[in-house]
Amino acid sequence: MDTKEYSNGEITILWKADKCIHSGICVKTLPKVYNPKARPWIKPENATTEALLDQVSKCPSGALSIK
């Protein structure tokens, strides 16, 4: 299982590519954080920790989680 980690210094977002169903909720909710065309595609420093926690909790596939 391929899991990538992205940290803002307070929390770390874990992304499991094989679980992702590409619902687009992350991109629609926090477009400054999630940009599928950029590398790295997740930039957690572009949102507050509270906003990240709220958004990750809405991921329908469980591909995004917090460490």
C-alpha atoms as a PDB file:
ATOM      1  CA  MET A   1       0.000   0.000   0.000  1.00  0.00           C
ATOM      2  CA  ASP A   2       1.447   3.326  -1.085  1.00  0.00           C
ATOM      3  CA  THR A   3       0.918   6.005   1.578  1.00  0.00           C
ATOM      4  CA  LYS A   4       2.292   9.500   1.230  1.00  0.00           C
ATOM      5  CA  GLU A   5       2.661  11.988   4.101  1.00  0.00           C
ATOM      6  CA  TYR A   6       2.207  15.765   3.982  1.00  0.00           C
ATOM      7  CA  SER A   7       2.818  17.885   7.109  1.00  0.00           C
ATOM      8  CA  ASN A   8       2.094  21.489   8.040  1.00  0.00           C
ATOM      9  CA  GLY A   9       4.273  21.259  11.157  1.00  0.00           C
ATOM     10  CA  GLU A  10       1.306  20.571  13.454  1.00  0.00           C
ATOM     11  CA  ILE A  11      -0.417  17.607  11.821  1.00  0.00           C
ATOM     12  CA  THR A  12       0.415  15.170   9.051  1.00  0.00           C
ATOM     13  CA  ILE A  13      -2.065  14.222   6.341  1.00  0.00           C
ATOM     14  CA  LEU A  14      -1.751  10.643   5.116  1.00  0.00           C
ATOM     15  CA  TRP A  15      -2.917   9.885   1.578  1.00  0.00           C
ATOM     16  CA  LYS A  16      -3.472   6.293   0.433  1.00  0.00           C
ATOM     17  CA  ALA A  17      -3.542   6.417  -3.362  1.00  0.00           C
ATOM     18  CA  ASP A  18      -5.099   2.966  -3.764  1.00  0.00           C
ATOM     19  CA  LYS A  19      -8.123   3.932  -1.605  1.00  0.00           C
ATOM     20  CA  CYS A  20      -8.775   7.245  -3.362  1.00  0.00           C
ATOM     21  CA  ILE A  21     -11.992   7.296  -5.405  1.00  0.00           C
ATOM     22  CA  HIS A  22     -11.333  10.802  -6.784  1.00  0.00           C
ATOM     23  CA  SER A  23     -14.607  12.217  -5.469  1.00  0.00           C
ATOM     24  CA  GLY A  24     -13.113  15.697  -5.679  1.00  0.00           C
ATOM     25  CA  ILE A  25     -14.379  16.790  -2.263  1.00  0.00           C
ATOM     26  CA  CYS A  26     -10.855  17.686  -1.129  1.00  0.00           C
ATOM     27  CA  VAL A  27     -10.162  19.839  -4.194  1.00  0.00           C
ATOM     28  CA  LYS A  28     -13.553  21.579  -4.024  1.00  0.00           C
ATOM     29  CA  THR A  29     -13.291  22.225  -0.275  1.00  0.00           C
ATOM     30  CA  LEU A  30      -9.653  23.388  -0.075  1.00  0.00           C
ATOM     31  CA  PRO A  31      -8.378  24.175  -3.591  1.00  0.00           C
ATOM     32  CA  LYS A  32      -5.287  25.970  -2.225  1.00  0.00           C
ATOM     33  CA  VAL A  33      -4.264  22.755  -0.444  1.00  0.00           C
ATOM     34  CA  TYR A  34      -5.227  20.089  -2.996  1.00  0.00           C
ATOM     35  CA  ASN A  35      -4.056  20.581  -6.590  1.00  0.00           C
ATOM     36  CA  PRO A  36      -3.865  17.332  -8.585  1.00  0.00           C
ATOM     37  CA  LYS A  37      -1.767  19.032 -11.289  1.00  0.00           C
ATOM     38  CA  ALA A  38       0.956  20.196  -8.869  1.00  0.00           C
ATOM     39  CA  ARG A  39       3.745  18.218  -7.228  1.00  0.00           C
ATOM     40  CA  PRO A  40       3.437  17.743  -4.343  1.00  0.00           C
ATOM     41  CA  TRP A  41      -0.293  17.794  -4.915  1.00  0.00           C
ATOM     42  CA  ILE A  42      -1.134  18.324  -1.223  1.00  0.00           C
ATOM     43  CA  LYS A  43       0.180  21.526   0.380  1.00  0.00           C
ATOM     44  CA  PRO A  44      -1.162  21.522   3.963  1.00  0.00           C
ATOM     45  CA  GLU A  45       0.638  24.774   4.776  1.00  0.00           C
ATOM     46  CA  ASN A  46      -2.011  26.574   2.677  1.00  0.00           C
ATOM     47  CA  ALA A  47      -4.806  26.063   5.255  1.00  0.00           C
ATOM     48  CA  THR A  48      -5.298  26.123   9.001  1.00  0.00           C
ATOM     49  CA  THR A  49      -4.981  22.903  10.968  1.00  0.00           C
ATOM     50  CA  GLU A  50      -8.674  23.227  11.879  1.00  0.00           C
ATOM     51  CA  ALA A  51      -9.683  23.503   8.207  1.00  0.00           C
ATOM     52  CA  LEU A  52      -7.536  20.477   7.334  1.00  0.00           C
ATOM     53  CA  LEU A  53      -9.011  18.356  10.125  1.00  0.00           C
ATOM     54  CA  ASP A  54     -12.540  19.294   9.038  1.00  0.00           C
ATOM     55  CA  GLN A  55     -11.895  18.523   5.372  1.00  0.00           C
ATOM     56  CA  VAL A  56     -10.067  15.219   5.957  1.00  0.00           C
ATOM     57  CA  SER A  57     -12.977  14.022   8.105  1.00  0.00           C
ATOM     58  CA  LYS A  58     -15.237  14.399   5.024  1.00  0.00           C
ATOM     59  CA  CYS A  59     -13.156  12.173   2.727  1.00  0.00           C
ATOM     60  CA  PRO A  60     -15.674   9.508   1.588  1.00  0.00           C
ATOM     61  CA  SER A  61     -13.129   6.808   0.726  1.00  0.00           C
ATOM     62  CA  GLY A  62     -10.892   7.047   3.785  1.00  0.00           C
ATOM     63  CA  ALA A  63      -7.908   7.749   1.503  1.00  0.00           C
ATOM     64  CA  LEU A  64      -7.098  10.837   3.590  1.00  0.00           C
ATOM     65  CA  SER A  65      -6.385  10.546   7.302  1.00  0.00           C
ATOM     66  CA  ILE A  66      -4.497  12.414  10.013  1.00  0.00           C
ATOM     67  CA  LYS A  67      -1.423  11.189  11.858  1.00  0.00           C
END
